[in-house]
Amino acid sequence: MSIHIKGLDFYPALVRRAGRLFEARFVDIPNCVVYGSSAIQAEIRAADALAAYADRSVKCGGSLPAATVVMGESNNRDRYVAYIKSPLRHS
């Protein structure tokens, strides 16, 4: 199951406090991890990282993996799931 709205996919990133920084780690894209000084900055950097990953994948003849929905993850200000919009349009 994935989140799909009008041709767009959204990829879950686990955002959590990591000391003085916030880490955003994509569930469906191994080793795609970014950090920011705030949760918002980590989400923005996650969107940039997803765009860079998609660009490299397309140039190499690949595509993004299917997006999934994260169930059962606790949400609070220090740990939550953010859904990042895919830079690619899907039909």
PDB file of N, CA and C in Angstrom:
ATOM      1  N   MET A   1       0.842  -1.165   0.000  1.00  0.00           N
ATOM      2  CA  MET A   1       0.000   0.000   0.000  1.00  0.00           C
ATOM      3  C   MET A   1       0.893   1.236   0.000  1.00  0.00           C
ATOM      4  N   SER A   2       0.551   2.209  -0.835  1.00  0.00           N
ATOM      5  CA  SER A   2       1.316   3.452  -0.881  1.00  0.00           C
ATOM      6  C   SER A   2       0.367   4.634  -0.838  1.00  0.00           C
ATOM      7  N   ILE A   3       0.931   5.803  -0.626  1.00  0.00           N
ATOM      8  CA  ILE A   3       0.132   7.024  -0.659  1.00  0.00           C
ATOM      9  C   ILE A   3       0.268   7.597  -2.057  1.00  0.00           C
ATOM     10  N   HIS A   4      -0.854   7.733  -2.744  1.00  0.00           N
ATOM     11  CA  HIS A   4      -0.864   8.186  -4.131  1.00  0.00           C
ATOM     12  C   HIS A   4      -1.990   9.196  -4.289  1.00  0.00           C
ATOM     13  N   ILE A   5      -1.658  10.423  -4.648  1.00  0.00           N
ATOM     14  CA  ILE A   5      -2.657  11.477  -4.816  1.00  0.00           C
ATOM     15  C   ILE A   5      -2.436  12.159  -6.162  1.00  0.00           C
ATOM     16  N   LYS A   6      -3.422  12.075  -7.051  1.00  0.00           N
ATOM     17  CA  LYS A   6      -3.384  12.764  -8.349  1.00  0.00           C
ATOM     18  C   LYS A   6      -2.027  12.662  -9.034  1.00  0.00           C
ATOM     19  N   GLY A   7      -1.537  11.458  -9.228  1.00  0.00           N
ATOM     20  CA  GLY A   7      -0.301  11.260  -9.962  1.00  0.00           C
ATOM     21  C   GLY A   7       0.970  11.485  -9.172  1.00  0.00           C
ATOM     22  N   LEU A   8       0.868  11.698  -7.875  1.00  0.00           N
ATOM     23  CA  LEU A   8       2.053  11.925  -7.054  1.00  0.00           C
ATOM     24  C   LEU A   8       2.193  10.814  -6.028  1.00  0.00           C
ATOM     25  N   ASP A   9       3.402  10.395  -5.776  1.00  0.00           N
ATOM     26  CA  ASP A   9       3.685   9.451  -4.704  1.00  0.00           C
ATOM     27  C   ASP A   9       4.364  10.207  -3.569  1.00  0.00           C
ATOM     28  N   PHE A  10       4.152   9.732  -2.362  1.00  0.00           N
ATOM     29  CA  PHE A  10       4.781  10.310  -1.184  1.00  0.00           C
ATOM     30  C   PHE A  10       5.593   9.223  -0.491  1.00  0.00           C
ATOM     31  N   TYR A  11       6.855   9.515  -0.187  1.00  0.00           N
ATOM     32  CA  TYR A  11       7.769   8.549   0.413  1.00  0.00           C
ATOM     33  C   TYR A  11       7.952   8.833   1.897  1.00  0.00           C
ATOM     34  N   PRO A  12       7.785   7.801   2.732  1.00  0.00           N
ATOM     35  CA  PRO A  12       7.938   8.015   4.168  1.00  0.00           C
ATOM     36  C   PRO A  12       9.407   8.162   4.574  1.00  0.00           C
ATOM     37  N   ALA A  13       9.638   9.158   5.398  1.00  0.00           N
ATOM     38  CA  ALA A  13      10.956   9.354   5.992  1.00  0.00           C
ATOM     39  C   ALA A  13      10.758   9.397   7.502  1.00  0.00           C
ATOM     40  N   LEU A  14      11.530   8.616   8.211  1.00  0.00           N
ATOM     41  CA  LEU A  14      11.487   8.640   9.673  1.00  0.00           C
ATOM     42  C   LEU A  14      12.356   9.799  10.135  1.00  0.00           C
ATOM     43  N   VAL A  15      11.748  10.755  10.781  1.00  0.00           N
ATOM     44  CA  VAL A  15      12.469  11.919  11.291  1.00  0.00           C
ATOM     45  C   VAL A  15      12.614  11.741  12.794  1.00  0.00           C
ATOM     46  N   ARG A  16      13.841  11.872  13.284  1.00  0.00           N
ATOM     47  CA  ARG A  16      14.064  11.704  14.720  1.00  0.00           C
ATOM     48  C   ARG A  16      15.190  12.610  15.180  1.00  0.00           C
ATOM     49  N   ARG A  17      15.120  12.963  16.451  1.00  0.00           N
ATOM     50  CA  ARG A  17      16.197  13.751  17.048  1.00  0.00           C
ATOM     51  C   ARG A  17      17.406  12.842  17.200  1.00  0.00           C
ATOM     52  N   ALA A  18      18.558  13.369  16.780  1.00  0.00           N
ATOM     53  CA  ALA A  18      19.825  12.646  16.909  1.00  0.00           C
ATOM     54  C   ALA A  18      20.814  13.600  17.580  1.00  0.00           C
ATOM     55  N   GLY A  19      20.768  13.648  18.897  1.00  0.00           N
ATOM     56  CA  GLY A  19      21.600  14.611  19.630  1.00  0.00           C
ATOM     57  C   GLY A  19      21.090  16.019  19.394  1.00  0.00           C
ATOM     58  N   ARG A  20      21.950  16.885  18.874  1.00  0.00           N
ATOM     59  CA  ARG A  20      21.543  18.271  18.581  1.00  0.00           C
ATOM     60  C   ARG A  20      20.946  18.417  17.176  1.00  0.00           C
ATOM     61  N   LEU A  21      20.999  17.369  16.394  1.00  0.00           N
ATOM     62  CA  LEU A  21      20.492  17.403  15.026  1.00  0.00           C
ATOM     63  C   LEU A  21      19.224  16.572  14.900  1.00  0.00           C
ATOM     64  N   PHE A  22      18.577  16.695  13.747  1.00  0.00           N
ATOM     65  CA  PHE A  22      17.464  15.833  13.389  1.00  0.00           C
ATOM     66  C   PHE A  22      17.876  15.030  12.171  1.00  0.00           C
ATOM     67  N   GLU A  23      17.552  13.754  12.187  1.00  0.00           N
ATOM     68  CA  GLU A  23      17.873  12.838  11.100  1.00  0.00           C
ATOM     69  C   GLU A  23      16.589  12.484  10.362  1.00  0.00           C
ATOM     70  N   ALA A  24      16.644  12.437   9.036  1.00  0.00           N
ATOM     71  CA  ALA A  24      15.534  11.947   8.218  1.00  0.00           C
ATOM     72  C   ALA A  24      16.060  10.779   7.397  1.00  0.00           C
ATOM     73  N   ARG A  25      15.434   9.620   7.578  1.00  0.00           N
ATOM     74  CA  ARG A  25      15.882   8.385   6.921  1.00  0.00           C
ATOM     75  C   ARG A  25      14.704   7.802   6.142  1.00  0.00           C
ATOM     76  N   PHE A  26      14.879   7.628   4.819  1.00  0.00           N
ATOM     77  CA  PHE A  26      13.812   7.071   3.990  1.00  0.00           C
ATOM     78  C   PHE A  26      13.634   5.580   4.244  1.00  0.00           C
ATOM     79  N   VAL A  27      12.398   5.166   4.372  1.00  0.00           N
ATOM     80  CA  VAL A  27      12.054   3.773   4.621  1.00  0.00           C
ATOM     81  C   VAL A  27      12.317   2.922   3.380  1.00  0.00           C
ATOM     82  N   ASP A  28      11.981   3.441   2.203  1.00  0.00           N
ATOM     83  CA  ASP A  28      12.030   2.667   0.963  1.00  0.00           C
ATOM     84  C   ASP A  28      13.320   2.820   0.171  1.00  0.00           C
ATOM     85  N   ILE A  29      14.208   3.700   0.614  1.00  0.00           N
ATOM     86  CA  ILE A  29      15.450   3.944  -0.121  1.00  0.00           C
ATOM     87  C   ILE A  29      16.620   3.748   0.842  1.00  0.00           C
ATOM     88  N   PRO A  30      17.268   2.599   0.765  1.00  0.00           N
ATOM     89  CA  PRO A  30      18.364   2.300   1.689  1.00  0.00           C
ATOM     90  C   PRO A  30      19.475   3.351   1.620  1.00  0.00           C
ATOM     91  N   ASN A  31      20.030   3.660   2.749  1.00  0.00           N
ATOM     92  CA  ASN A  31      21.172   4.571   2.884  1.00  0.00           C
ATOM     93  C   ASN A  31      20.889   5.994   2.434  1.00  0.00           C
ATOM     94  N   CYS A  32      19.642   6.377   2.314  1.00  0.00           N
ATOM     95  CA  CYS A  32      19.293   7.765   1.982  1.00  0.00           C
ATOM     96  C   CYS A  32      18.928   8.454   3.292  1.00  0.00           C
ATOM     97  N   VAL A  33      19.926   9.089   3.898  1.00  0.00           N
ATOM     98  CA  VAL A  33      19.802   9.705   5.214  1.00  0.00           C
ATOM     99  C   VAL A  33      20.347  11.129   5.139  1.00  0.00           C
ATOM    100  N   VAL A  34      19.624  12.069   5.736  1.00  0.00           N
ATOM    101  CA  VAL A  34      20.083  13.456   5.794  1.00  0.00           C
ATOM    102  C   VAL A  34      19.908  13.976   7.214  1.00  0.00           C
ATOM    103  N   TYR A  35      20.579  15.088   7.507  1.00  0.00           N
ATOM    104  CA  TYR A  35      20.502  15.707   8.829  1.00  0.00           C
ATOM    105  C   TYR A  35      20.200  17.194   8.684  1.00  0.00           C
ATOM    106  N   GLY A  36      19.596  17.748   9.706  1.00  0.00           N
ATOM    107  CA  GLY A  36      19.327  19.175   9.743  1.00  0.00           C
ATOM    108  C   GLY A  36      19.356  19.666  11.172  1.00  0.00           C
ATOM    109  N   SER A  37      19.499  20.977  11.333  1.00  0.00           N
ATOM    110  CA  SER A  37      19.530  21.546  12.683  1.00  0.00           C
ATOM    111  C   SER A  37      18.133  21.619  13.295  1.00  0.00           C
ATOM    112  N   SER A  38      17.105  21.445  12.476  1.00  0.00           N
ATOM    113  CA  SER A  38      15.725  21.380  12.955  1.00  0.00           C
ATOM    114  C   SER A  38      15.008  20.272  12.182  1.00  0.00           C
ATOM    115  N   ALA A  39      13.851  19.879  12.678  1.00  0.00           N
ATOM    116  CA  ALA A  39      13.072  18.856  11.981  1.00  0.00           C
ATOM    117  C   ALA A  39      12.666  19.352  10.597  1.00  0.00           C
ATOM    118  N   ILE A  40      12.284  20.601  10.497  1.00  0.00           N
ATOM    119  CA  ILE A  40      11.883  21.175   9.206  1.00  0.00           C
ATOM    120  C   ILE A  40      13.050  21.157   8.229  1.00  0.00           C
ATOM    121  N   GLN A  41      14.223  21.538   8.699  1.00  0.00           N
ATOM    122  CA  GLN A  41      15.396  21.519   7.823  1.00  0.00           C
ATOM    123  C   GLN A  41      15.704  20.087   7.368  1.00  0.00           C
ATOM    124  N   ALA A  42      15.554  19.117   8.249  1.00  0.00           N
ATOM    125  CA  ALA A  42      15.773  17.715   7.865  1.00  0.00           C
ATOM    126  C   ALA A  42      14.768  17.289   6.794  1.00  0.00           C
ATOM    127  N   GLU A  43      13.509  17.710   6.905  1.00  0.00           N
ATOM    128  CA  GLU A  43      12.507  17.379   5.891  1.00  0.00           C
ATOM    129  C   GLU A  43      12.841  18.028   4.547  1.00  0.00           C
ATOM    130  N   ILE A  44      13.286  19.276   4.573  1.00  0.00           N
ATOM    131  CA  ILE A  44      13.659  19.964   3.331  1.00  0.00           C
ATOM    132  C   ILE A  44      14.832  19.258   2.674  1.00  0.00           C
ATOM    133  N   ARG A  45      15.814  18.904   3.460  1.00  0.00           N
ATOM    134  CA  ARG A  45      16.977  18.190   2.915  1.00  0.00           C
ATOM    135  C   ARG A  45      16.581  16.801   2.416  1.00  0.00           C
ATOM    136  N   ALA A  46      15.608  16.179   3.071  1.00  0.00           N
ATOM    137  CA  ALA A  46      15.119  14.873   2.608  1.00  0.00           C
ATOM    138  C   ALA A  46      14.490  15.009   1.222  1.00  0.00           C
ATOM    139  N   ALA A  47      13.722  16.064   1.010  1.00  0.00           N
ATOM    140  CA  ALA A  47      13.120  16.294  -0.309  1.00  0.00           C
ATOM    141  C   ALA A  47      14.206  16.492  -1.365  1.00  0.00           C
ATOM    142  N   ASP A  48      15.249  17.240  -1.022  1.00  0.00           N
ATOM    143  CA  ASP A  48      16.366  17.452  -1.955  1.00  0.00           C
ATOM    144  C   ASP A  48      17.088  16.132  -2.246  1.00  0.00           C
ATOM    145  N   ALA A  49      17.294  15.323  -1.214  1.00  0.00           N
ATOM    146  CA  ALA A  49      17.964  14.028  -1.393  1.00  0.00           C
ATOM    147  C   ALA A  49      17.124  13.087  -2.255  1.00  0.00           C
ATOM    148  N   LEU A  50      15.806  13.099  -2.051  1.00  0.00           N
ATOM    149  CA  LEU A  50      14.926  12.257  -2.864  1.00  0.00           C
ATOM    150  C   LEU A  50      14.981  12.692  -4.324  1.00  0.00           C
ATOM    151  N   ALA A  51      15.006  13.992  -4.579  1.00  0.00           N
ATOM    152  CA  ALA A  51      15.105  14.502  -5.953  1.00  0.00           C
ATOM    153  C   ALA A  51      16.425  14.079  -6.593  1.00  0.00           C
ATOM    154  N   ALA A  52      17.528  14.169  -5.852  1.00  0.00           N
ATOM    155  CA  ALA A  52      18.837  13.767  -6.379  1.00  0.00           C
ATOM    156  C   ALA A  52      18.862  12.268  -6.654  1.00  0.00           C
ATOM    157  N   TYR A  53      18.300  11.474  -5.752  1.00  0.00           N
ATOM    158  CA  TYR A  53      18.240  10.021  -5.941  1.00  0.00           C
ATOM    159  C   TYR A  53      17.417   9.677  -7.183  1.00  0.00           C
ATOM    160  N   ALA A  54      16.264  10.328  -7.349  1.00  0.00           N
ATOM    161  CA  ALA A  54      15.403  10.080  -8.510  1.00  0.00           C
ATOM    162  C   ALA A  54      16.121  10.447  -9.800  1.00  0.00           C
ATOM    163  N   ASP A  55      16.818  11.578  -9.793  1.00  0.00           N
ATOM    164  CA  ASP A  55      17.543  12.024 -10.979  1.00  0.00           C
ATOM    165  C   ASP A  55      18.611  11.012 -11.376  1.00  0.00           C
ATOM    166  N   ARG A  56      19.387  10.541 -10.404  1.00  0.00           N
ATOM    167  CA  ARG A  56      20.417   9.529 -10.690  1.00  0.00           C
ATOM    168  C   ARG A  56      19.793   8.240 -11.180  1.00  0.00           C
ATOM    169  N   SER A  57      18.705   7.829 -10.567  1.00  0.00           N
ATOM    170  CA  SER A  57      18.048   6.582 -10.958  1.00  0.00           C
ATOM    171  C   SER A  57      17.556   6.642 -12.395  1.00  0.00           C
ATOM    172  N   VAL A  58      16.914   7.754 -12.764  1.00  0.00           N
ATOM    173  CA  VAL A  58      16.390   7.909 -14.123  1.00  0.00           C
ATOM    174  C   VAL A  58      17.539   7.943 -15.131  1.00  0.00           C
ATOM    175  N   LYS A  59      18.611   8.660 -14.820  1.00  0.00           N
ATOM    176  CA  LYS A  59      19.761   8.733 -15.732  1.00  0.00           C
ATOM    177  C   LYS A  59      20.403   7.376 -15.948  1.00  0.00           C
ATOM    178  N   CYS A  60      20.300   6.497 -14.963  1.00  0.00           N
ATOM    179  CA  CYS A  60      20.879   5.152 -15.067  1.00  0.00           C
ATOM    180  C   CYS A  60      19.862   4.129 -15.580  1.00  0.00           C
ATOM    181  N   GLY A  61      18.707   4.610 -16.025  1.00  0.00           N
ATOM    182  CA  GLY A  61      17.694   3.707 -16.578  1.00  0.00           C
ATOM    183  C   GLY A  61      16.801   3.057 -15.546  1.00  0.00           C
ATOM    184  N   GLY A  62      16.862   3.496 -14.323  1.00  0.00           N
ATOM    185  CA  GLY A  62      16.046   2.914 -13.257  1.00  0.00           C
ATOM    186  C   GLY A  62      14.872   3.800 -12.911  1.00  0.00           C
ATOM    187  N   SER A  63      14.303   3.545 -11.769  1.00  0.00           N
ATOM    188  CA  SER A  63      13.189   4.348 -11.275  1.00  0.00           C
ATOM    189  C   SER A  63      13.194   4.290  -9.750  1.00  0.00           C
ATOM    190  N   LEU A  64      12.313   5.049  -9.158  1.00  0.00           N
ATOM    191  CA  LEU A  64      12.172   5.003  -7.706  1.00  0.00           C
ATOM    192  C   LEU A  64      11.448   3.718  -7.307  1.00  0.00           C
ATOM    193  N   PRO A  65      11.766   3.168  -6.149  1.00  0.00           N
ATOM    194  CA  PRO A  65      11.016   1.999  -5.677  1.00  0.00           C
ATOM    195  C   PRO A  65       9.592   2.409  -5.314  1.00  0.00           C
ATOM    196  N   ALA A  66       8.734   1.436  -5.173  1.00  0.00           N
ATOM    197  CA  ALA A  66       7.361   1.719  -4.751  1.00  0.00           C
ATOM    198  C   ALA A  66       7.378   2.296  -3.340  1.00  0.00           C
ATOM    199  N   ALA A  67       6.552   3.298  -3.133  1.00  0.00           N
ATOM    200  CA  ALA A  67       6.444   3.919  -1.814  1.00  0.00           C
ATOM    201  C   ALA A  67       5.527   3.087  -0.929  1.00  0.00           C
ATOM    202  N   THR A  68       5.843   3.036   0.348  1.00  0.00           N
ATOM    203  CA  THR A  68       5.014   2.294   1.296  1.00  0.00           C
ATOM    204  C   THR A  68       4.441   3.233   2.349  1.00  0.00           C
ATOM    205  N   VAL A  69       3.525   2.716   3.121  1.00  0.00           N
ATOM    206  CA  VAL A  69       2.958   3.461   4.237  1.00  0.00           C
ATOM    207  C   VAL A  69       3.510   2.841   5.520  1.00  0.00           C
ATOM    208  N   VAL A  70       3.970   3.667   6.420  1.00  0.00           N
ATOM    209  CA  VAL A  70       4.504   3.196   7.693  1.00  0.00           C
ATOM    210  C   VAL A  70       3.363   3.130   8.701  1.00  0.00           C
ATOM    211  N   MET A  71       3.182   1.968   9.284  1.00  0.00           N
ATOM    212  CA  MET A  71       2.120   1.764  10.269  1.00  0.00           C
ATOM    213  C   MET A  71       2.746   1.513  11.637  1.00  0.00           C
ATOM    214  N   GLY A  72       2.107   2.006  12.666  1.00  0.00           N
ATOM    215  CA  GLY A  72       2.514   1.692  14.023  1.00  0.00           C
ATOM    216  C   GLY A  72       3.685   2.490  14.554  1.00  0.00           C
ATOM    217  N   GLU A  73       4.164   3.464  13.818  1.00  0.00           N
ATOM    218  CA  GLU A  73       5.279   4.284  14.284  1.00  0.00           C
ATOM    219  C   GLU A  73       4.728   5.358  15.220  1.00  0.00           C
ATOM    220  N   SER A  74       5.329   5.496  16.391  1.00  0.00           N
ATOM    221  CA  SER A  74       4.858   6.532  17.315  1.00  0.00           C
ATOM    222  C   SER A  74       5.266   7.909  16.796  1.00  0.00           C
ATOM    223  N   ASN A  75       4.403   8.874  16.974  1.00  0.00           N
ATOM    224  CA  ASN A  75       4.667  10.232  16.519  1.00  0.00           C
ATOM    225  C   ASN A  75       4.706  11.183  17.702  1.00  0.00           C
ATOM    226  N   ASN A  76       5.778  11.941  17.795  1.00  0.00           N
ATOM    227  CA  ASN A  76       5.892  13.028  18.752  1.00  0.00           C
ATOM    228  C   ASN A  76       6.894  14.023  18.177  1.00  0.00           C
ATOM    229  N   ARG A  77       7.210  15.060  18.894  1.00  0.00           N
ATOM    230  CA  ARG A  77       8.063  16.093  18.302  1.00  0.00           C
ATOM    231  C   ARG A  77       9.501  15.634  18.068  1.00  0.00           C
ATOM    232  N   ASP A  78       9.940  14.576  18.734  1.00  0.00           N
ATOM    233  CA  ASP A  78      11.305  14.078  18.565  1.00  0.00           C
ATOM    234  C   ASP A  78      11.406  12.862  17.643  1.00  0.00           C
ATOM    235  N   ARG A  79      10.255  12.329  17.218  1.00  0.00           N
ATOM    236  CA  ARG A  79      10.271  11.155  16.339  1.00  0.00           C
ATOM    237  C   ARG A  79       8.915  11.053  15.654  1.00  0.00           C
ATOM    238  N   TYR A  80       8.911  11.135  14.321  1.00  0.00           N
ATOM    239  CA  TYR A  80       7.656  11.045  13.577  1.00  0.00           C
ATOM    240  C   TYR A  80       7.936  10.628  12.137  1.00  0.00           C
ATOM    241  N   VAL A  81       6.879  10.332  11.404  1.00  0.00           N
ATOM    242  CA  VAL A  81       6.983   9.973   9.993  1.00  0.00           C
ATOM    243  C   VAL A  81       6.545  11.176   9.169  1.00  0.00           C
ATOM    244  N   ALA A  82       7.407  11.590   8.255  1.00  0.00           N
ATOM    245  CA  ALA A  82       7.072  12.661   7.305  1.00  0.00           C
ATOM    246  C   ALA A  82       6.936  12.016   5.936  1.00  0.00           C
ATOM    247  N   TYR A  83       5.917  12.389   5.197  1.00  0.00           N
ATOM    248  CA  TYR A  83       5.739  11.873   3.837  1.00  0.00           C
ATOM    249  C   TYR A  83       6.214  12.940   2.863  1.00  0.00           C
ATOM    250  N   ILE A  84       7.267  12.611   2.108  1.00  0.00           N
ATOM    251  CA  ILE A  84       7.929  13.535   1.198  1.00  0.00           C
ATOM    252  C   ILE A  84       7.441  13.275  -0.224  1.00  0.00           C
ATOM    253  N   LYS A  85       6.995  14.332  -0.893  1.00  0.00           N
ATOM    254  CA  LYS A  85       6.464  14.207  -2.244  1.00  0.00           C
ATOM    255  C   LYS A  85       7.542  13.769  -3.223  1.00  0.00           C
ATOM    256  N   SER A  86       7.193  12.815  -4.064  1.00  0.00           N
ATOM    257  CA  SER A  86       8.105  12.347  -5.097  1.00  0.00           C
ATOM    258  C   SER A  86       8.334  13.446  -6.129  1.00  0.00           C
ATOM    259  N   PRO A  87       9.556  13.585  -6.616  1.00  0.00           N
ATOM    260  CA  PRO A  87       9.818  14.565  -7.669  1.00  0.00           C
ATOM    261  C   PRO A  87       9.335  14.073  -9.037  1.00  0.00           C
ATOM    262  N   LEU A  88       8.965  12.804  -9.134  1.00  0.00           N
ATOM    263  CA  LEU A  88       8.500  12.222 -10.392  1.00  0.00           C
ATOM    264  C   LEU A  88       6.989  12.104 -10.385  1.00  0.00           C
ATOM    265  N   ARG A  89       6.365  12.360 -11.527  1.00  0.00           N
ATOM    266  CA  ARG A  89       4.913  12.187 -11.669  1.00  0.00           C
ATOM    267  C   ARG A  89       4.645  10.766 -12.112  1.00  0.00           C
ATOM    268  N   HIS A  90       3.606  10.191 -11.561  1.00  0.00           N
ATOM    269  CA  HIS A  90       3.187   8.832 -11.913  1.00  0.00           C
ATOM    270  C   HIS A  90       1.779   8.890 -12.442  1.00  0.00           C
ATOM    271  N   SER A  91       1.455   7.940 -13.307  1.00  0.00           N
ATOM    272  CA  SER A  91       0.086   7.922 -13.853  1.00  0.00           C
ATOM    273  C   SER A  91      -0.815   7.027 -13.051  1.00  0.00           C
TER     274      SER A  91
END
